[in-house]
N, C-alpha and C. Protein backbone atom coordinates (compact mmCIF):
# COMPACT_ATOMS: atom_id res chain seq x y z
N UNK A 1 8.53 -17.08 -12.42
CA UNK A 1 7.05 -17.17 -12.27
C UNK A 1 6.30 -16.84 -13.53
N UNK A 2 5.23 -17.48 -13.77
CA UNK A 2 4.66 -17.24 -14.85
C UNK A 2 3.35 -16.06 -14.56
N UNK A 3 3.72 -14.71 -14.63
CA UNK A 3 2.77 -13.87 -14.31
C UNK A 3 2.30 -13.07 -15.40
N UNK A 4 2.66 -13.47 -16.53
CA UNK A 4 2.31 -12.89 -17.85
C UNK A 4 0.95 -13.26 -18.07
N UNK A 5 0.21 -14.28 -17.62
CA UNK A 5 -1.07 -14.61 -17.88
C UNK A 5 -2.00 -13.75 -17.00
N UNK A 6 -2.83 -13.01 -17.79
CA UNK A 6 -3.74 -12.18 -17.07
C UNK A 6 -4.89 -13.07 -16.47
N UNK A 7 -5.35 -12.59 -15.23
CA UNK A 7 -6.35 -13.34 -14.41
C UNK A 7 -6.71 -12.21 -13.43
N UNK A 8 -7.80 -12.65 -12.44
CA UNK A 8 -8.13 -11.88 -11.52
C UNK A 8 -7.10 -11.39 -10.62
N UNK A 9 -6.30 -12.09 -10.29
CA UNK A 9 -5.22 -11.68 -9.34
C UNK A 9 -3.91 -11.05 -9.92
N UNK A 10 -4.00 -11.03 -11.19
CA UNK A 10 -2.62 -10.69 -11.87
C UNK A 10 -2.03 -9.36 -11.31
N UNK A 11 -2.89 -8.26 -11.67
CA UNK A 11 -2.42 -7.08 -11.27
C UNK A 11 -2.02 -6.91 -9.92
N UNK A 12 -2.66 -7.25 -8.79
CA UNK A 12 -1.98 -7.10 -7.59
C UNK A 12 -1.00 -7.98 -7.31
N UNK A 13 -0.85 -9.43 -7.79
CA UNK A 13 0.16 -10.14 -7.84
C UNK A 13 1.54 -9.67 -8.26
N UNK A 14 1.43 -9.11 -9.82
CA UNK A 14 2.44 -8.62 -10.54
C UNK A 14 2.87 -7.20 -9.53
N UNK A 15 2.20 -6.57 -8.98
CA UNK A 15 2.56 -5.21 -8.39
C UNK A 15 3.35 -5.43 -7.20
N UNK A 16 2.79 -6.56 -6.17
CA UNK A 16 3.33 -6.85 -5.21
C UNK A 16 4.73 -7.70 -5.40
N UNK A 17 4.91 -8.29 -6.33
CA UNK A 17 6.22 -9.27 -6.83
C UNK A 17 7.09 -8.11 -7.20
N UNK A 18 6.98 -6.97 -8.01
CA UNK A 18 7.75 -6.10 -8.55
C UNK A 18 7.87 -5.34 -7.33
N UNK A 19 7.27 -5.00 -6.50
CA UNK A 19 7.63 -4.14 -5.05
C UNK A 19 8.60 -4.84 -4.40
N UNK A 20 8.23 -6.20 -4.29
CA UNK A 20 9.53 -6.82 -3.50
C UNK A 20 10.67 -6.96 -4.25
N UNK A 21 10.92 -7.18 -5.49
CA UNK A 21 11.98 -6.96 -6.22
C UNK A 21 12.75 -5.90 -6.29
N UNK A 22 11.94 -4.88 -6.45
CA UNK A 22 12.24 -3.46 -6.53
C UNK A 22 13.13 -2.83 -5.00
N UNK A 23 12.64 -3.46 -4.02
CA UNK A 23 13.25 -3.24 -2.82
C UNK A 23 14.56 -3.99 -2.70
N UNK A 24 15.11 -4.87 -3.41
CA UNK A 24 16.24 -5.57 -3.39
C UNK A 24 17.26 -4.74 -4.31
N UNK A 25 18.76 -5.06 -4.33
CA UNK A 25 19.47 -4.42 -5.32
C UNK A 25 19.48 -5.62 -6.47
N UNK A 26 19.05 -5.33 -7.38
CA UNK A 26 18.79 -6.18 -8.68
C UNK A 26 19.35 -5.68 -10.07
N UNK A 27 19.59 -6.40 -11.13
CA UNK A 27 20.04 -6.10 -12.29
C UNK A 27 19.33 -6.82 -13.26
N UNK A 28 18.86 -6.38 -14.33
CA UNK A 28 18.15 -7.34 -15.65
C UNK A 28 19.03 -7.12 -16.82
N UNK A 29 19.08 -8.18 -17.59
CA UNK A 29 19.51 -8.45 -18.85
C UNK A 29 18.46 -7.97 -19.81
N UNK A 30 18.79 -7.15 -21.04
CA UNK A 30 17.70 -7.02 -21.82
C UNK A 30 17.34 -8.16 -22.66
N UNK A 31 17.95 -9.26 -22.55
CA UNK A 31 17.74 -10.49 -23.36
C UNK A 31 16.99 -11.45 -22.62
N UNK A 32 16.75 -11.18 -21.33
CA UNK A 32 16.14 -12.24 -20.19
C UNK A 32 14.89 -11.49 -19.73
N UNK A 33 13.55 -11.50 -20.21
CA UNK A 33 12.50 -10.82 -19.94
C UNK A 33 12.14 -10.90 -18.46
N UNK A 34 12.12 -12.28 -17.88
CA UNK A 34 11.65 -12.54 -16.59
C UNK A 34 12.70 -12.92 -15.72
N UNK A 35 14.13 -12.66 -16.01
CA UNK A 35 15.06 -12.98 -15.00
C UNK A 35 15.51 -11.78 -14.23
N UNK A 36 15.99 -11.94 -13.01
CA UNK A 36 16.55 -10.73 -12.17
C UNK A 36 17.76 -11.19 -11.50
N UNK A 37 18.84 -10.72 -11.67
CA UNK A 37 20.00 -10.95 -10.82
C UNK A 37 19.94 -10.27 -9.50
N UNK A 38 20.00 -10.74 -8.41
CA UNK A 38 19.70 -9.93 -7.12
C UNK A 38 21.04 -10.17 -6.23
N UNK A 39 21.25 -9.22 -5.86
CA UNK A 39 22.80 -9.13 -4.76
C UNK A 39 21.94 -9.26 -3.28
N UNK A 40 22.57 -10.14 -2.51
CA UNK A 40 21.71 -10.26 -1.20
C UNK A 40 22.70 -11.02 -0.20
N UNK A 41 22.80 -10.84 0.96
CA UNK A 41 23.49 -11.52 1.95
C UNK A 41 22.60 -12.85 2.60
N UNK A 42 21.40 -13.08 2.09
CA UNK A 42 20.44 -13.91 2.37
C UNK A 42 20.57 -14.91 1.74
N UNK A 43 20.36 -16.07 2.39
CA UNK A 43 20.32 -17.64 1.82
C UNK A 43 19.48 -17.63 0.62
N UNK A 44 19.37 -18.63 -0.29
CA UNK A 44 18.51 -18.73 -1.48
C UNK A 44 17.21 -18.91 -1.18
N UNK A 45 16.96 -19.60 0.15
CA UNK A 45 15.65 -19.92 0.92
C UNK A 45 15.16 -18.83 1.29
N UNK A 46 15.92 -17.92 2.14
CA UNK A 46 15.43 -16.65 2.85
C UNK A 46 14.80 -15.69 1.66
N UNK A 47 15.82 -15.49 0.73
CA UNK A 47 15.34 -14.87 -0.42
C UNK A 47 14.01 -15.16 -1.14
N UNK A 48 14.10 -16.72 -1.56
CA UNK A 48 12.68 -17.08 -2.07
C UNK A 48 11.73 -16.69 -1.15
N UNK A 49 11.63 -17.05 0.34
CA UNK A 49 10.39 -16.92 0.95
C UNK A 49 10.17 -15.41 0.87
N UNK A 50 11.00 -14.44 0.98
CA UNK A 50 10.71 -12.85 0.96
C UNK A 50 9.93 -12.58 -0.35
N UNK A 51 10.51 -13.19 -1.45
CA UNK A 51 10.18 -12.58 -2.71
C UNK A 51 8.80 -13.16 -2.86
N UNK A 52 8.46 -14.37 -2.67
CA UNK A 52 6.92 -14.93 -2.91
C UNK A 52 5.95 -15.28 -1.84
N UNK A 53 6.21 -14.90 -0.70
CA UNK A 53 5.45 -15.22 0.44
C UNK A 53 3.94 -14.71 0.07
N UNK A 54 3.03 -15.69 -0.04
CA UNK A 54 1.82 -14.97 -0.15
C UNK A 54 1.27 -14.79 -1.46
N UNK A 55 1.97 -14.84 -2.59
CA UNK A 55 1.73 -14.64 -3.71
C UNK A 55 1.53 -15.37 -4.76
N UNK A 56 2.44 -16.66 -4.67
CA UNK A 56 2.36 -17.82 -5.48
C UNK A 56 0.96 -18.46 -5.37
N UNK A 57 0.75 -18.85 -6.66
CA UNK A 57 -0.17 -20.05 -6.93
C UNK A 57 0.27 -21.33 -7.60
N UNK A 58 -0.58 -22.16 -7.63
CA UNK A 58 -0.01 -23.51 -8.49
C UNK A 58 0.29 -23.52 -9.79
N UNK A 59 0.25 -22.30 -10.58
CA UNK A 59 0.50 -22.16 -11.91
C UNK A 59 1.85 -21.27 -12.13
N UNK A 60 2.43 -20.81 -10.93
CA UNK A 60 3.64 -20.08 -10.87
C UNK A 60 4.79 -20.86 -10.76
N UNK A 61 5.98 -20.18 -11.12
CA UNK A 61 7.07 -21.02 -11.27
C UNK A 61 8.16 -20.17 -10.74
N UNK A 62 9.45 -20.28 -9.88
CA UNK A 62 10.33 -19.63 -9.63
C UNK A 62 11.64 -20.30 -8.93
N UNK A 63 12.71 -20.04 -9.56
CA UNK A 63 13.71 -20.61 -9.01
C UNK A 63 14.74 -19.50 -8.46
N UNK A 64 15.44 -19.75 -7.24
CA UNK A 64 16.45 -18.94 -6.63
C UNK A 64 17.82 -19.74 -6.53
N UNK A 65 18.82 -19.17 -7.16
CA UNK A 65 20.14 -19.96 -7.14
C UNK A 65 21.06 -18.84 -6.84
N UNK A 66 22.19 -19.33 -6.16
CA UNK A 66 23.36 -18.61 -5.95
C UNK A 66 24.68 -18.85 -6.98
N UNK A 67 25.17 -17.55 -7.61
CA UNK A 67 26.21 -17.72 -8.45
C UNK A 67 27.44 -17.68 -7.67
N UNK A 68 28.34 -18.35 -8.19
CA UNK A 68 29.59 -18.56 -7.25
C UNK A 68 30.91 -17.89 -8.06
N UNK A 69 31.60 -17.31 -7.29
CA UNK A 69 32.71 -16.55 -7.93
C UNK A 69 33.59 -17.65 -8.94
N UNK A 70 33.79 -17.15 -9.97
CA UNK A 70 35.04 -18.29 -10.91
C UNK A 70 34.10 -19.25 -11.55
N UNK A 71 32.98 -19.54 -11.33
CA UNK A 71 32.04 -20.49 -11.99
C UNK A 71 30.85 -20.21 -12.49
N UNK A 72 31.18 -19.36 -13.34
CA UNK A 72 29.77 -18.69 -14.33
C UNK A 72 30.20 -18.49 -15.67
N UNK A 73 29.33 -18.87 -16.61
CA UNK A 73 29.59 -18.84 -17.91
C UNK A 73 28.25 -18.40 -18.64
N UNK A 74 28.42 -17.73 -19.63
CA UNK A 74 27.04 -17.49 -20.37
C UNK A 74 27.21 -16.07 -21.45
N UNK A 75 26.21 -15.64 -22.09
CA UNK A 75 25.88 -14.71 -22.90
C UNK A 75 25.03 -13.49 -22.05
N UNK A 76 25.74 -12.52 -21.57
CA UNK A 76 24.72 -11.54 -21.04
C UNK A 76 25.50 -10.20 -21.17
N UNK A 77 24.53 -9.14 -21.29
CA UNK A 77 24.95 -7.79 -21.55
C UNK A 77 26.25 -7.44 -20.76
N UNK A 78 27.44 -6.78 -21.28
CA UNK A 78 28.54 -6.49 -20.53
C UNK A 78 28.18 -5.84 -19.32
N UNK A 79 27.40 -4.98 -18.97
CA UNK A 79 27.20 -4.17 -17.67
C UNK A 79 26.49 -5.11 -16.98
N UNK A 80 25.85 -6.29 -17.15
CA UNK A 80 25.33 -7.17 -16.31
C UNK A 80 26.37 -8.16 -15.88
N UNK A 81 27.34 -8.41 -16.39
CA UNK A 81 28.43 -9.36 -15.99
C UNK A 81 29.31 -8.31 -15.08
N UNK A 82 29.53 -6.96 -15.59
CA UNK A 82 30.40 -6.39 -14.58
C UNK A 82 29.54 -6.15 -13.28
N UNK A 83 28.54 -6.08 -12.91
CA UNK A 83 27.55 -5.86 -11.84
C UNK A 83 27.59 -6.97 -10.96
N UNK A 84 27.54 -8.23 -11.73
CA UNK A 84 27.57 -9.60 -11.18
C UNK A 84 29.11 -9.84 -10.61
N UNK A 85 30.10 -9.38 -11.26
CA UNK A 85 31.43 -9.78 -11.04
C UNK A 85 31.88 -8.87 -9.80
N UNK A 86 31.04 -7.59 -9.65
CA UNK A 86 31.60 -6.72 -8.63
C UNK A 86 31.11 -7.16 -7.28
N UNK A 87 29.84 -8.19 -7.36
CA UNK A 87 29.22 -8.90 -6.30
C UNK A 87 29.61 -10.12 -5.93
N UNK A 88 30.53 -10.74 -6.40
CA UNK A 88 30.77 -12.00 -6.14
C UNK A 88 31.98 -12.02 -5.07
């Protein structure tokens, strides 16, 4: 989501988005400013709907995707990989 642009709804939208994300089990990597990894038993669509319901506008972007055990590769902080692998 592109919530870094200040506007009339920015503060309220940002607050609501962060409240919803903070209600979930999440972790962030220090090199990925606007990325959150979320542990959930919900489907990607259910999680998307929970996170963004009523707060998206036409300028915002978001993707919710599922990581699969044994099929992930990249450069993340080691504690992030440990967190992810413990939940797959």
